[in-house]
Amino acid sequence: MGAAENKAVVNRYFEELWNNYDLDVADEIAHPEFFFTIPTHADSHGPQGLKDEINMLHTAFPDIHFSQEDVFADDERVAVRWVAAGPTWASSWATSRAGAASGSRGSAATASRTAS
């Protein structure tokens, strides 16, 4: 895939999968060897593991919304800087981290492969 196609996949990941909560998109864009990791628990693998993570986070934070601040891509890789926010997300962070900002920032990098 080219850089434009890789950016389009990352956009679908955030907009369709996370923000619109369309779990079927995971089957279309996540390679069987895809892994999702959050430092607080074990990695999840493949499209089903991704769906499980999204379900878990949407259950805890039903109004979570991701925005992409920067996306860099070439023919093989994509890097993105993102922000997750929402009223229940902010409430959780305010409770656990007094004075913390109301969003969570992160970054991700991935190598592109065609899902099959």
PDB file of N, CA and C in Angstrom:
ATOM      1  N   MET A   1       0.841  -1.185   0.000  1.00  0.00           N
ATOM      2  CA  MET A   1       0.000   0.000   0.000  1.00  0.00           C
ATOM      3  C   MET A   1       0.881   1.241   0.000  1.00  0.00           C
ATOM      4  N   GLY A   2       0.368   2.300  -0.570  1.00  0.00           N
ATOM      5  CA  GLY A   2       1.072   3.576  -0.570  1.00  0.00           C
ATOM      6  C   GLY A   2       0.747   4.390   0.669  1.00  0.00           C
ATOM      7  N   ALA A   3       1.416   5.527   0.798  1.00  0.00           N
ATOM      8  CA  ALA A   3       1.229   6.381   1.972  1.00  0.00           C
ATOM      9  C   ALA A   3      -0.226   6.830   2.127  1.00  0.00           C
ATOM     10  N   ALA A   4      -0.868   7.203   1.037  1.00  0.00           N
ATOM     11  CA  ALA A   4      -2.263   7.661   1.128  1.00  0.00           C
ATOM     12  C   ALA A   4      -3.185   6.545   1.603  1.00  0.00           C
ATOM     13  N   GLU A   5      -2.971   5.341   1.102  1.00  0.00           N
ATOM     14  CA  GLU A   5      -3.795   4.204   1.526  1.00  0.00           C
ATOM     15  C   GLU A   5      -3.558   3.869   2.999  1.00  0.00           C
ATOM     16  N   ASN A   6      -2.303   3.955   3.438  1.00  0.00           N
ATOM     17  CA  ASN A   6      -1.995   3.684   4.842  1.00  0.00           C
ATOM     18  C   ASN A   6      -2.652   4.709   5.759  1.00  0.00           C
ATOM     19  N   LYS A   7      -2.646   5.975   5.362  1.00  0.00           N
ATOM     20  CA  LYS A   7      -3.326   7.006   6.151  1.00  0.00           C
ATOM     21  C   LYS A   7      -4.827   6.747   6.191  1.00  0.00           C
ATOM     22  N   ALA A   8      -5.382   6.285   5.081  1.00  0.00           N
ATOM     23  CA  ALA A   8      -6.822   6.002   5.041  1.00  0.00           C
ATOM     24  C   ALA A   8      -7.188   4.870   6.002  1.00  0.00           C
ATOM     25  N   VAL A   9      -6.338   3.863   6.115  1.00  0.00           N
ATOM     26  CA  VAL A   9      -6.603   2.761   7.051  1.00  0.00           C
ATOM     27  C   VAL A   9      -6.567   3.273   8.487  1.00  0.00           C
ATOM     28  N   VAL A  10      -5.585   4.101   8.803  1.00  0.00           N
ATOM     29  CA  VAL A  10      -5.491   4.666  10.157  1.00  0.00           C
ATOM     30  C   VAL A  10      -6.710   5.540  10.452  1.00  0.00           C
ATOM     31  N   ASN A  11      -7.159   6.298   9.479  1.00  0.00           N
ATOM     32  CA  ASN A  11      -8.351   7.113   9.669  1.00  0.00           C
ATOM     33  C   ASN A  11      -9.569   6.232   9.950  1.00  0.00           C
ATOM     34  N   ARG A  12      -9.721   5.138   9.218  1.00  0.00           N
ATOM     35  CA  ARG A  12     -10.837   4.212   9.471  1.00  0.00           C
ATOM     36  C   ARG A  12     -10.730   3.626  10.881  1.00  0.00           C
ATOM     37  N   TYR A  13      -9.509   3.302  11.297  1.00  0.00           N
ATOM     38  CA  TYR A  13      -9.275   2.745  12.631  1.00  0.00           C
ATOM     39  C   TYR A  13      -9.837   3.678  13.698  1.00  0.00           C
ATOM     40  N   PHE A  14      -9.510   4.950  13.615  1.00  0.00           N
ATOM     41  CA  PHE A  14      -9.977   5.885  14.631  1.00  0.00           C
ATOM     42  C   PHE A  14     -11.429   6.317  14.414  1.00  0.00           C
ATOM     43  N   GLU A  15     -11.777   6.718  13.209  1.00  0.00           N
ATOM     44  CA  GLU A  15     -13.103   7.279  12.968  1.00  0.00           C
ATOM     45  C   GLU A  15     -14.213   6.228  12.962  1.00  0.00           C
ATOM     46  N   GLU A  16     -14.022   5.177  12.203  1.00  0.00           N
ATOM     47  CA  GLU A  16     -15.089   4.175  12.078  1.00  0.00           C
ATOM     48  C   GLU A  16     -15.103   3.187  13.237  1.00  0.00           C
ATOM     49  N   LEU A  17     -13.924   2.666  13.576  1.00  0.00           N
ATOM     50  CA  LEU A  17     -13.876   1.640  14.618  1.00  0.00           C
ATOM     51  C   LEU A  17     -14.079   2.241  16.008  1.00  0.00           C
ATOM     52  N   TRP A  18     -13.247   3.205  16.380  1.00  0.00           N
ATOM     53  CA  TRP A  18     -13.321   3.765  17.726  1.00  0.00           C
ATOM     54  C   TRP A  18     -14.467   4.759  17.879  1.00  0.00           C
ATOM     55  N   ASN A  19     -14.498   5.789  17.032  1.00  0.00           N
ATOM     56  CA  ASN A  19     -15.472   6.866  17.245  1.00  0.00           C
ATOM     57  C   ASN A  19     -16.891   6.473  16.866  1.00  0.00           C
ATOM     58  N   ASN A  20     -17.059   5.709  15.797  1.00  0.00           N
ATOM     59  CA  ASN A  20     -18.406   5.281  15.392  1.00  0.00           C
ATOM     60  C   ASN A  20     -18.768   3.915  15.959  1.00  0.00           C
ATOM     61  N   TYR A  21     -17.820   3.274  16.622  1.00  0.00           N
ATOM     62  CA  TYR A  21     -18.034   1.986  17.304  1.00  0.00           C
ATOM     63  C   TYR A  21     -18.568   0.923  16.335  1.00  0.00           C
ATOM     64  N   ASP A  22     -18.003   0.893  15.124  1.00  0.00           N
ATOM     65  CA  ASP A  22     -18.377  -0.083  14.100  1.00  0.00           C
ATOM     66  C   ASP A  22     -17.349  -1.218  14.135  1.00  0.00           C
ATOM     67  N   LEU A  23     -17.623  -2.243  14.929  1.00  0.00           N
ATOM     68  CA  LEU A  23     -16.670  -3.324  15.141  1.00  0.00           C
ATOM     69  C   LEU A  23     -16.400  -4.159  13.896  1.00  0.00           C
ATOM     70  N   ASP A  24     -17.305  -4.153  12.927  1.00  0.00           N
ATOM     71  CA  ASP A  24     -17.074  -4.909  11.690  1.00  0.00           C
ATOM     72  C   ASP A  24     -15.842  -4.404  10.939  1.00  0.00           C
ATOM     73  N   VAL A  25     -15.477  -3.156  11.156  1.00  0.00           N
ATOM     74  CA  VAL A  25     -14.310  -2.584  10.487  1.00  0.00           C
ATOM     75  C   VAL A  25     -13.037  -3.323  10.901  1.00  0.00           C
ATOM     76  N   ALA A  26     -12.991  -3.848  12.115  1.00  0.00           N
ATOM     77  CA  ALA A  26     -11.808  -4.593  12.564  1.00  0.00           C
ATOM     78  C   ALA A  26     -11.516  -5.764  11.634  1.00  0.00           C
ATOM     79  N   ASP A  27     -12.555  -6.455  11.167  1.00  0.00           N
ATOM     80  CA  ASP A  27     -12.356  -7.580  10.249  1.00  0.00           C
ATOM     81  C   ASP A  27     -11.790  -7.128   8.906  1.00  0.00           C
ATOM     82  N   GLU A  28     -12.070  -5.895   8.535  1.00  0.00           N
ATOM     83  CA  GLU A  28     -11.619  -5.372   7.252  1.00  0.00           C
ATOM     84  C   GLU A  28     -10.210  -4.809   7.295  1.00  0.00           C
ATOM     85  N   ILE A  29      -9.786  -4.256   8.432  1.00  0.00           N
ATOM     86  CA  ILE A  29      -8.492  -3.566   8.453  1.00  0.00           C
ATOM     87  C   ILE A  29      -7.430  -4.220   9.329  1.00  0.00           C
ATOM     88  N   ALA A  30      -7.803  -5.094  10.249  1.00  0.00           N
ATOM     89  CA  ALA A  30      -6.816  -5.688  11.154  1.00  0.00           C
ATOM     90  C   ALA A  30      -6.318  -7.021  10.595  1.00  0.00           C
ATOM     91  N   HIS A  31      -5.032  -7.111  10.407  1.00  0.00           N
ATOM     92  CA  HIS A  31      -4.385  -8.343   9.956  1.00  0.00           C
ATOM     93  C   HIS A  31      -4.513  -9.398  11.061  1.00  0.00           C
ATOM     94  N   PRO A  32      -4.559 -10.686  10.717  1.00  0.00           N
ATOM     95  CA  PRO A  32      -4.639 -11.727  11.753  1.00  0.00           C
ATOM     96  C   PRO A  32      -3.503 -11.658  12.781  1.00  0.00           C
ATOM     97  N   GLU A  33      -2.346 -11.077  12.405  1.00  0.00           N
ATOM     98  CA  GLU A  33      -1.219 -10.956  13.343  1.00  0.00           C
ATOM     99  C   GLU A  33      -1.202  -9.607  14.065  1.00  0.00           C
ATOM    100  N   PHE A  34      -2.226  -8.797  13.864  1.00  0.00           N
ATOM    101  CA  PHE A  34      -2.346  -7.508  14.547  1.00  0.00           C
ATOM    102  C   PHE A  34      -2.303  -7.728  16.055  1.00  0.00           C
ATOM    103  N   PHE A  35      -1.630  -6.846  16.788  1.00  0.00           N
ATOM    104  CA  PHE A  35      -1.732  -6.891  18.247  1.00  0.00           C
ATOM    105  C   PHE A  35      -1.950  -5.492  18.787  1.00  0.00           C
ATOM    106  N   PHE A  36      -2.736  -5.443  19.845  1.00  0.00           N
ATOM    107  CA  PHE A  36      -3.127  -4.207  20.518  1.00  0.00           C
ATOM    108  C   PHE A  36      -2.593  -4.305  21.933  1.00  0.00           C
ATOM    109  N   THR A  37      -1.929  -3.267  22.384  1.00  0.00           N
ATOM    110  CA  THR A  37      -1.355  -3.314  23.723  1.00  0.00           C
ATOM    111  C   THR A  37      -1.649  -2.039  24.503  1.00  0.00           C
ATOM    112  N   ILE A  38      -2.017  -2.239  25.750  1.00  0.00           N
ATOM    113  CA  ILE A  38      -2.165  -1.165  26.728  1.00  0.00           C
ATOM    114  C   ILE A  38      -1.336  -1.617  27.927  1.00  0.00           C
ATOM    115  N   PRO A  39      -0.522  -0.754  28.492  1.00  0.00           N
ATOM    116  CA  PRO A  39       0.377  -1.184  29.571  1.00  0.00           C
ATOM    117  C   PRO A  39      -0.309  -1.817  30.784  1.00  0.00           C
ATOM    118  N   THR A  40      -1.592  -1.579  30.958  1.00  0.00           N
ATOM    119  CA  THR A  40      -2.266  -2.073  32.162  1.00  0.00           C
ATOM    120  C   THR A  40      -2.769  -3.510  32.068  1.00  0.00           C
ATOM    121  N   HIS A  41      -2.706  -4.128  30.874  1.00  0.00           N
ATOM    122  CA  HIS A  41      -3.150  -5.516  30.771  1.00  0.00           C
ATOM    123  C   HIS A  41      -2.521  -6.204  29.556  1.00  0.00           C
ATOM    124  N   ALA A  42      -2.777  -7.482  29.429  1.00  0.00           N
ATOM    125  CA  ALA A  42      -2.141  -8.302  28.393  1.00  0.00           C
ATOM    126  C   ALA A  42      -2.525  -7.839  26.982  1.00  0.00           C
ATOM    127  N   ASP A  43      -1.643  -8.133  26.029  1.00  0.00           N
ATOM    128  CA  ASP A  43      -1.908  -7.820  24.622  1.00  0.00           C
ATOM    129  C   ASP A  43      -3.107  -8.608  24.113  1.00  0.00           C
ATOM    130  N   SER A  44      -3.785  -8.030  23.124  1.00  0.00           N
ATOM    131  CA  SER A  44      -4.866  -8.707  22.414  1.00  0.00           C
ATOM    132  C   SER A  44      -4.417  -8.895  20.978  1.00  0.00           C
ATOM    133  N   HIS A  45      -4.821 -10.009  20.376  1.00  0.00           N
ATOM    134  CA  HIS A  45      -4.324 -10.347  19.048  1.00  0.00           C
ATOM    135  C   HIS A  45      -5.450 -10.522  18.041  1.00  0.00           C
ATOM    136  N   GLY A  46      -5.163 -10.121  16.802  1.00  0.00           N
ATOM    137  CA  GLY A  46      -6.073 -10.315  15.689  1.00  0.00           C
ATOM    138  C   GLY A  46      -7.292  -9.416  15.761  1.00  0.00           C
ATOM    139  N   PRO A  47      -8.148  -9.520  14.733  1.00  0.00           N
ATOM    140  CA  PRO A  47      -9.353  -8.685  14.701  1.00  0.00           C
ATOM    141  C   PRO A  47     -10.258  -8.870  15.925  1.00  0.00           C
ATOM    142  N   GLN A  48     -10.412 -10.104  16.399  1.00  0.00           N
ATOM    143  CA  GLN A  48     -11.281 -10.326  17.552  1.00  0.00           C
ATOM    144  C   GLN A  48     -10.701  -9.704  18.820  1.00  0.00           C
ATOM    145  N   GLY A  49      -9.398  -9.792  18.989  1.00  0.00           N
ATOM    146  CA  GLY A  49      -8.771  -9.150  20.139  1.00  0.00           C
ATOM    147  C   GLY A  49      -8.959  -7.648  20.124  1.00  0.00           C
ATOM    148  N   LEU A  50      -8.876  -7.050  18.936  1.00  0.00           N
ATOM    149  CA  LEU A  50      -9.114  -5.618  18.797  1.00  0.00           C
ATOM    150  C   LEU A  50     -10.552  -5.271  19.170  1.00  0.00           C
ATOM    151  N   LYS A  51     -11.494  -6.070  18.680  1.00  0.00           N
ATOM    152  CA  LYS A  51     -12.903  -5.843  19.028  1.00  0.00           C
ATOM    153  C   LYS A  51     -13.116  -5.938  20.537  1.00  0.00           C
ATOM    154  N   ASP A  52     -12.469  -6.907  21.183  1.00  0.00           N
ATOM    155  CA  ASP A  52     -12.601  -7.066  22.631  1.00  0.00           C
ATOM    156  C   ASP A  52     -12.098  -5.832  23.375  1.00  0.00           C
ATOM    157  N   GLU A  53     -10.963  -5.284  22.938  1.00  0.00           N
ATOM    158  CA  GLU A  53     -10.419  -4.082  23.577  1.00  0.00           C
ATOM    159  C   GLU A  53     -11.351  -2.888  23.400  1.00  0.00           C
ATOM    160  N   ILE A  54     -11.865  -2.725  22.195  1.00  0.00           N
ATOM    161  CA  ILE A  54     -12.771  -1.602  21.931  1.00  0.00           C
ATOM    162  C   ILE A  54     -14.041  -1.751  22.753  1.00  0.00           C
ATOM    163  N   ASN A  55     -14.575  -2.961  22.820  1.00  0.00           N
ATOM    164  CA  ASN A  55     -15.754  -3.199  23.664  1.00  0.00           C
ATOM    165  C   ASN A  55     -15.477  -2.845  25.114  1.00  0.00           C
ATOM    166  N   MET A  56     -14.331  -3.271  25.613  1.00  0.00           N
ATOM    167  CA  MET A  56     -13.979  -3.012  27.009  1.00  0.00           C
ATOM    168  C   MET A  56     -13.892  -1.509  27.279  1.00  0.00           C
ATOM    169  N   LEU A  57     -13.195  -0.781  26.412  1.00  0.00           N
ATOM    170  CA  LEU A  57     -13.046   0.654  26.637  1.00  0.00           C
ATOM    171  C   LEU A  57     -14.355   1.411  26.415  1.00  0.00           C
ATOM    172  N   HIS A  58     -15.169   0.981  25.444  1.00  0.00           N
ATOM    173  CA  HIS A  58     -16.458   1.650  25.221  1.00  0.00           C
ATOM    174  C   HIS A  58     -17.446   1.345  26.349  1.00  0.00           C
ATOM    175  N   THR A  59     -17.305   0.205  26.988  1.00  0.00           N
ATOM    176  CA  THR A  59     -18.151  -0.101  28.140  1.00  0.00           C
ATOM    177  C   THR A  59     -17.789   0.822  29.309  1.00  0.00           C
ATOM    178  N   ALA A  60     -16.499   1.007  29.528  1.00  0.00           N
ATOM    179  CA  ALA A  60     -16.046   1.870  30.623  1.00  0.00           C
ATOM    180  C   ALA A  60     -16.247   3.355  30.308  1.00  0.00           C
ATOM    181  N   PHE A  61     -16.050   3.723  29.043  1.00  0.00           N
ATOM    182  CA  PHE A  61     -16.112   5.128  28.629  1.00  0.00           C
ATOM    183  C   PHE A  61     -16.954   5.229  27.354  1.00  0.00           C
ATOM    184  N   PRO A  62     -18.279   5.197  27.461  1.00  0.00           N
ATOM    185  CA  PRO A  62     -19.133   5.147  26.274  1.00  0.00           C
ATOM    186  C   PRO A  62     -19.038   6.376  25.367  1.00  0.00           C
ATOM    187  N   ASP A  63     -18.538   7.474  25.865  1.00  0.00           N
ATOM    188  CA  ASP A  63     -18.441   8.690  25.057  1.00  0.00           C
ATOM    189  C   ASP A  63     -17.005   8.992  24.622  1.00  0.00           C
ATOM    190  N   ILE A  64     -16.118   8.013  24.720  1.00  0.00           N
ATOM    191  CA  ILE A  64     -14.729   8.229  24.327  1.00  0.00           C
ATOM    192  C   ILE A  64     -14.664   8.629  22.853  1.00  0.00           C
ATOM    193  N   HIS A  65     -13.815   9.592  22.581  1.00  0.00           N
ATOM    194  CA  HIS A  65     -13.636  10.064  21.212  1.00  0.00           C
ATOM    195  C   HIS A  65     -12.146  10.283  20.953  1.00  0.00           C
ATOM    196  N   PHE A  66     -11.668   9.755  19.838  1.00  0.00           N
ATOM    197  CA  PHE A  66     -10.277   9.919  19.457  1.00  0.00           C
ATOM    198  C   PHE A  66     -10.157  10.955  18.354  1.00  0.00           C
ATOM    199  N   SER A  67      -9.169  11.808  18.471  1.00  0.00           N
ATOM    200  CA  SER A  67      -8.830  12.717  17.380  1.00  0.00           C
ATOM    201  C   SER A  67      -7.371  12.480  17.020  1.00  0.00           C
ATOM    202  N   GLN A  68      -7.090  12.618  15.745  1.00  0.00           N
ATOM    203  CA  GLN A  68      -5.736  12.427  15.242  1.00  0.00           C
ATOM    204  C   GLN A  68      -5.080  13.791  15.106  1.00  0.00           C
ATOM    205  N   GLU A  69      -3.981  13.994  15.814  1.00  0.00           N
ATOM    206  CA  GLU A  69      -3.309  15.280  15.745  1.00  0.00           C
ATOM    207  C   GLU A  69      -2.286  15.329  14.619  1.00  0.00           C
ATOM    208  N   ASP A  70      -1.550  14.261  14.439  1.00  0.00           N
ATOM    209  CA  ASP A  70      -0.555  14.179  13.370  1.00  0.00           C
ATOM    210  C   ASP A  70      -0.543  12.762  12.833  1.00  0.00           C
ATOM    211  N   VAL A  71      -0.467  12.624  11.516  1.00  0.00           N
ATOM    212  CA  VAL A  71      -0.350  11.310  10.882  1.00  0.00           C
ATOM    213  C   VAL A  71       0.771  11.409   9.857  1.00  0.00           C
ATOM    214  N   PHE A  72       1.745  10.530   9.996  1.00  0.00           N
ATOM    215  CA  PHE A  72       2.871  10.467   9.074  1.00  0.00           C
ATOM    216  C   PHE A  72       2.886   9.073   8.465  1.00  0.00           C
ATOM    217  N   ALA A  73       3.064   8.983   7.161  1.00  0.00           N
ATOM    218  CA  ALA A  73       3.025   7.673   6.511  1.00  0.00           C
ATOM    219  C   ALA A  73       3.985   7.624   5.332  1.00  0.00           C
ATOM    220  N   ASP A  74       4.442   6.408   5.054  1.00  0.00           N
ATOM    221  CA  ASP A  74       5.120   6.125   3.801  1.00  0.00           C
ATOM    222  C   ASP A  74       4.486   4.859   3.237  1.00  0.00           C
ATOM    223  N   ASP A  75       5.138   4.204   2.322  1.00  0.00           N
ATOM    224  CA  ASP A  75       4.538   3.036   1.684  1.00  0.00           C
ATOM    225  C   ASP A  75       4.420   1.821   2.606  1.00  0.00           C
ATOM    226  N   GLU A  76       5.133   1.816   3.724  1.00  0.00           N
ATOM    227  CA  GLU A  76       5.137   0.641   4.605  1.00  0.00           C
ATOM    228  C   GLU A  76       4.722   0.913   6.042  1.00  0.00           C
ATOM    229  N   ARG A  77       4.814   2.155   6.489  1.00  0.00           N
ATOM    230  CA  ARG A  77       4.590   2.453   7.901  1.00  0.00           C
ATOM    231  C   ARG A  77       3.708   3.679   8.083  1.00  0.00           C
ATOM    232  N   VAL A  78       3.065   3.710   9.262  1.00  0.00           N
ATOM    233  CA  VAL A  78       2.262   4.867   9.656  1.00  0.00           C
ATOM    234  C   VAL A  78       2.565   5.166  11.114  1.00  0.00           C
ATOM    235  N   ALA A  79       2.693   6.440  11.428  1.00  0.00           N
ATOM    236  CA  ALA A  79       2.801   6.878  12.819  1.00  0.00           C
ATOM    237  C   ALA A  79       1.730   7.932  13.045  1.00  0.00           C
ATOM    238  N   VAL A  80       1.071   7.849  14.183  1.00  0.00           N
ATOM    239  CA  VAL A  80      -0.004   8.795  14.480  1.00  0.00           C
ATOM    240  C   VAL A  80       0.101   9.251  15.930  1.00  0.00           C
ATOM    241  N   ARG A  81      -0.164  10.539  16.127  1.00  0.00           N
ATOM    242  CA  ARG A  81      -0.271  11.114  17.470  1.00  0.00           C
ATOM    243  C   ARG A  81      -1.740  11.418  17.676  1.00  0.00           C
ATOM    244  N   TRP A  82      -2.313  10.894  18.758  1.00  0.00           N
ATOM    245  CA  TRP A  82      -3.753  10.981  18.965  1.00  0.00           C
ATOM    246  C   TRP A  82      -4.080  11.516  20.358  1.00  0.00           C
ATOM    247  N   VAL A  83      -5.340  11.909  20.513  1.00  0.00           N
ATOM    248  CA  VAL A  83      -5.876  12.336  21.809  1.00  0.00           C
ATOM    249  C   VAL A  83      -7.204  11.622  22.007  1.00  0.00           C
ATOM    250  N   ALA A  84      -7.400  11.045  23.188  1.00  0.00           N
ATOM    251  CA  ALA A  84      -8.686  10.440  23.564  1.00  0.00           C
ATOM    252  C   ALA A  84      -9.317  11.334  24.622  1.00  0.00           C
ATOM    253  N   ALA A  85     -10.596  11.627  24.444  1.00  0.00           N
ATOM    254  CA  ALA A  85     -11.284  12.512  25.385  1.00  0.00           C
ATOM    255  C   ALA A  85     -12.765  12.172  25.422  1.00  0.00           C
ATOM    256  N   GLY A  86     -13.455  12.741  26.377  1.00  0.00           N
ATOM    257  CA  GLY A  86     -14.891  12.569  26.541  1.00  0.00           C
ATOM    258  C   GLY A  86     -15.253  12.833  27.984  1.00  0.00           C
ATOM    259  N   PRO A  87     -16.510  13.185  28.267  1.00  0.00           N
ATOM    260  CA  PRO A  87     -16.901  13.510  29.645  1.00  0.00           C
ATOM    261  C   PRO A  87     -16.621  12.405  30.659  1.00  0.00           C
ATOM    262  N   THR A  88     -16.958  11.152  30.356  1.00  0.00           N
ATOM    263  CA  THR A  88     -16.686  10.099  31.345  1.00  0.00           C
ATOM    264  C   THR A  88     -15.196   9.810  31.431  1.00  0.00           C
ATOM    265  N   TRP A  89     -14.479   9.953  30.321  1.00  0.00           N
ATOM    266  CA  TRP A  89     -13.023   9.779  30.323  1.00  0.00           C
ATOM    267  C   TRP A  89     -12.396  10.849  31.216  1.00  0.00           C
ATOM    268  N   ALA A  90     -12.820  12.099  31.029  1.00  0.00           N
ATOM    269  CA  ALA A  90     -12.289  13.204  31.821  1.00  0.00           C
ATOM    270  C   ALA A  90     -12.612  13.021  33.297  1.00  0.00           C
ATOM    271  N   SER A  91     -13.826  12.576  33.603  1.00  0.00           N
ATOM    272  CA  SER A  91     -14.233  12.357  34.980  1.00  0.00           C
ATOM    273  C   SER A  91     -13.362  11.290  35.634  1.00  0.00           C
ATOM    274  N   SER A  92     -13.079  10.228  34.923  1.00  0.00           N
ATOM    275  CA  SER A  92     -12.239   9.153  35.442  1.00  0.00           C
ATOM    276  C   SER A  92     -10.834   9.657  35.737  1.00  0.00           C
ATOM    277  N   TRP A  93     -10.252  10.419  34.805  1.00  0.00           N
ATOM    278  CA  TRP A  93      -8.907  10.940  34.999  1.00  0.00           C
ATOM    279  C   TRP A  93      -8.875  11.960  36.132  1.00  0.00           C
ATOM    280  N   ALA A  94      -9.895  12.786  36.239  1.00  0.00           N
ATOM    281  CA  ALA A  94      -9.920  13.798  37.301  1.00  0.00           C
ATOM    282  C   ALA A  94      -9.993  13.132  38.664  1.00  0.00           C
ATOM    283  N   THR A  95     -10.718  12.005  38.731  1.00  0.00           N
ATOM    284  CA  THR A  95     -10.837  11.285  39.989  1.00  0.00           C
ATOM    285  C   THR A  95      -9.522  10.625  40.377  1.00  0.00           C
ATOM    286  N   SER A  96      -8.833  10.046  39.381  1.00  0.00           N
ATOM    287  CA  SER A  96      -7.633   9.281  39.700  1.00  0.00           C
ATOM    288  C   SER A  96      -6.365  10.118  39.687  1.00  0.00           C
ATOM    289  N   ARG A  97      -6.386  11.277  39.026  1.00  0.00           N
ATOM    290  CA  ARG A  97      -5.190  12.111  38.914  1.00  0.00           C
ATOM    291  C   ARG A  97      -5.582  13.563  39.102  1.00  0.00           C
ATOM    292  N   ALA A  98      -5.681  13.994  40.311  1.00  0.00           N
ATOM    293  CA  ALA A  98      -6.101  15.363  40.600  1.00  0.00           C
ATOM    294  C   ALA A  98      -5.259  16.352  39.810  1.00  0.00           C
ATOM    295  N   GLY A  99      -5.937  17.250  39.138  1.00  0.00           N
ATOM    296  CA  GLY A  99      -5.255  18.275  38.374  1.00  0.00           C
ATOM    297  C   GLY A  99      -4.822  17.837  36.985  1.00  0.00           C
ATOM    298  N   ALA A 100      -5.083  16.582  36.602  1.00  0.00           N
ATOM    299  CA  ALA A 100      -4.665  16.093  35.288  1.00  0.00           C
ATOM    300  C   ALA A 100      -5.538  16.681  34.190  1.00  0.00           C
ATOM    301  N   ALA A 101      -5.012  16.724  33.005  1.00  0.00           N
ATOM    302  CA  ALA A 101      -5.783  17.193  31.851  1.00  0.00           C
ATOM    303  C   ALA A 101      -6.934  16.242  31.585  1.00  0.00           C
ATOM    304  N   SER A 102      -7.954  16.732  30.889  1.00  0.00           N
ATOM    305  CA  SER A 102      -9.161  15.939  30.687  1.00  0.00           C
ATOM    306  C   SER A 102      -9.079  14.972  29.508  1.00  0.00           C
ATOM    307  N   GLY A 103      -7.945  14.855  28.876  1.00  0.00           N
ATOM    308  CA  GLY A 103      -7.775  13.915  27.776  1.00  0.00           C
ATOM    309  C   GLY A 103      -6.533  13.085  27.985  1.00  0.00           C
ATOM    310  N   SER A 104      -6.418  12.071  27.183  1.00  0.00           N
ATOM    311  CA  SER A 104      -5.241  11.221  27.225  1.00  0.00           C
ATOM    312  C   SER A 104      -4.578  11.299  25.868  1.00  0.00           C
ATOM    313  N   ARG A 105      -3.297  11.515  25.845  1.00  0.00           N
ATOM    314  CA  ARG A 105      -2.552  11.609  24.588  1.00  0.00           C
ATOM    315  C   ARG A 105      -1.723  10.355  24.398  1.00  0.00           C
ATOM    316  N   GLY A 106      -1.539   9.980  23.157  1.00  0.00           N
ATOM    317  CA  GLY A 106      -0.717   8.823  22.869  1.00  0.00           C
ATOM    318  C   GLY A 106      -0.212   8.854  21.452  1.00  0.00           C
ATOM    319  N   SER A 107       0.567   7.857  21.132  1.00  0.00           N
ATOM    320  CA  SER A 107       1.049   7.717  19.764  1.00  0.00           C
ATOM    321  C   SER A 107       1.089   6.239  19.428  1.00  0.00           C
ATOM    322  N   ALA A 108       1.041   5.960  18.160  1.00  0.00           N
ATOM    323  CA  ALA A 108       1.075   4.586  17.689  1.00  0.00           C
ATOM    324  C   ALA A 108       1.832   4.539  16.384  1.00  0.00           C
ATOM    325  N   ALA A 109       2.486   3.443  16.146  1.00  0.00           N
ATOM    326  CA  ALA A 109       3.171   3.215  14.877  1.00  0.00           C
ATOM    327  C   ALA A 109       2.799   1.819  14.415  1.00  0.00           C
ATOM    328  N   THR A 110       2.674   1.656  13.119  1.00  0.00           N
ATOM    329  CA  THR A 110       2.303   0.352  12.584  1.00  0.00           C
ATOM    330  C   THR A 110       2.939   0.134  11.226  1.00  0.00           C
ATOM    331  N   ALA A 111       3.171  -1.121  10.913  1.00  0.00           N
ATOM    332  CA  ALA A 111       3.608  -1.494   9.573  1.00  0.00           C
ATOM    333  C   ALA A 111       2.393  -1.982   8.820  1.00  0.00           C
ATOM    334  N   SER A 112       2.276  -1.648   7.567  1.00  0.00           N
ATOM    335  CA  SER A 112       1.082  -2.031   6.822  1.00  0.00           C
ATOM    336  C   SER A 112       1.206  -3.421   6.242  1.00  0.00           C
ATOM    337  N   ARG A 113       0.102  -4.145   6.286  1.00  0.00           N
ATOM    338  CA  ARG A 113      -0.051  -5.445   5.662  1.00  0.00           C
ATOM    339  C   ARG A 113      -1.470  -5.546   5.187  1.00  0.00           C
ATOM    340  N   THR A 114      -1.667  -6.281   4.159  1.00  0.00           N
ATOM    341  CA  THR A 114      -3.026  -6.477   3.676  1.00  0.00           C
ATOM    342  C   THR A 114      -3.723  -7.518   4.529  1.00  0.00           C
ATOM    343  N   ALA A 115      -4.900  -7.161   5.076  1.00  0.00           N
ATOM    344  CA  ALA A 115      -5.683  -8.126   5.855  1.00  0.00           C
ATOM    345  C   ALA A 115      -6.200  -9.201   4.918  1.00  0.00           C
ATOM    346  N   SER A 116      -6.127 -10.451   5.380  1.00  0.00           N
ATOM    347  CA  SER A 116      -6.647 -11.534   4.548  1.00  0.00           C
ATOM    348  C   SER A 116      -7.209 -12.645   5.420  1.00  0.00           C
TER     349      SER A 116
END
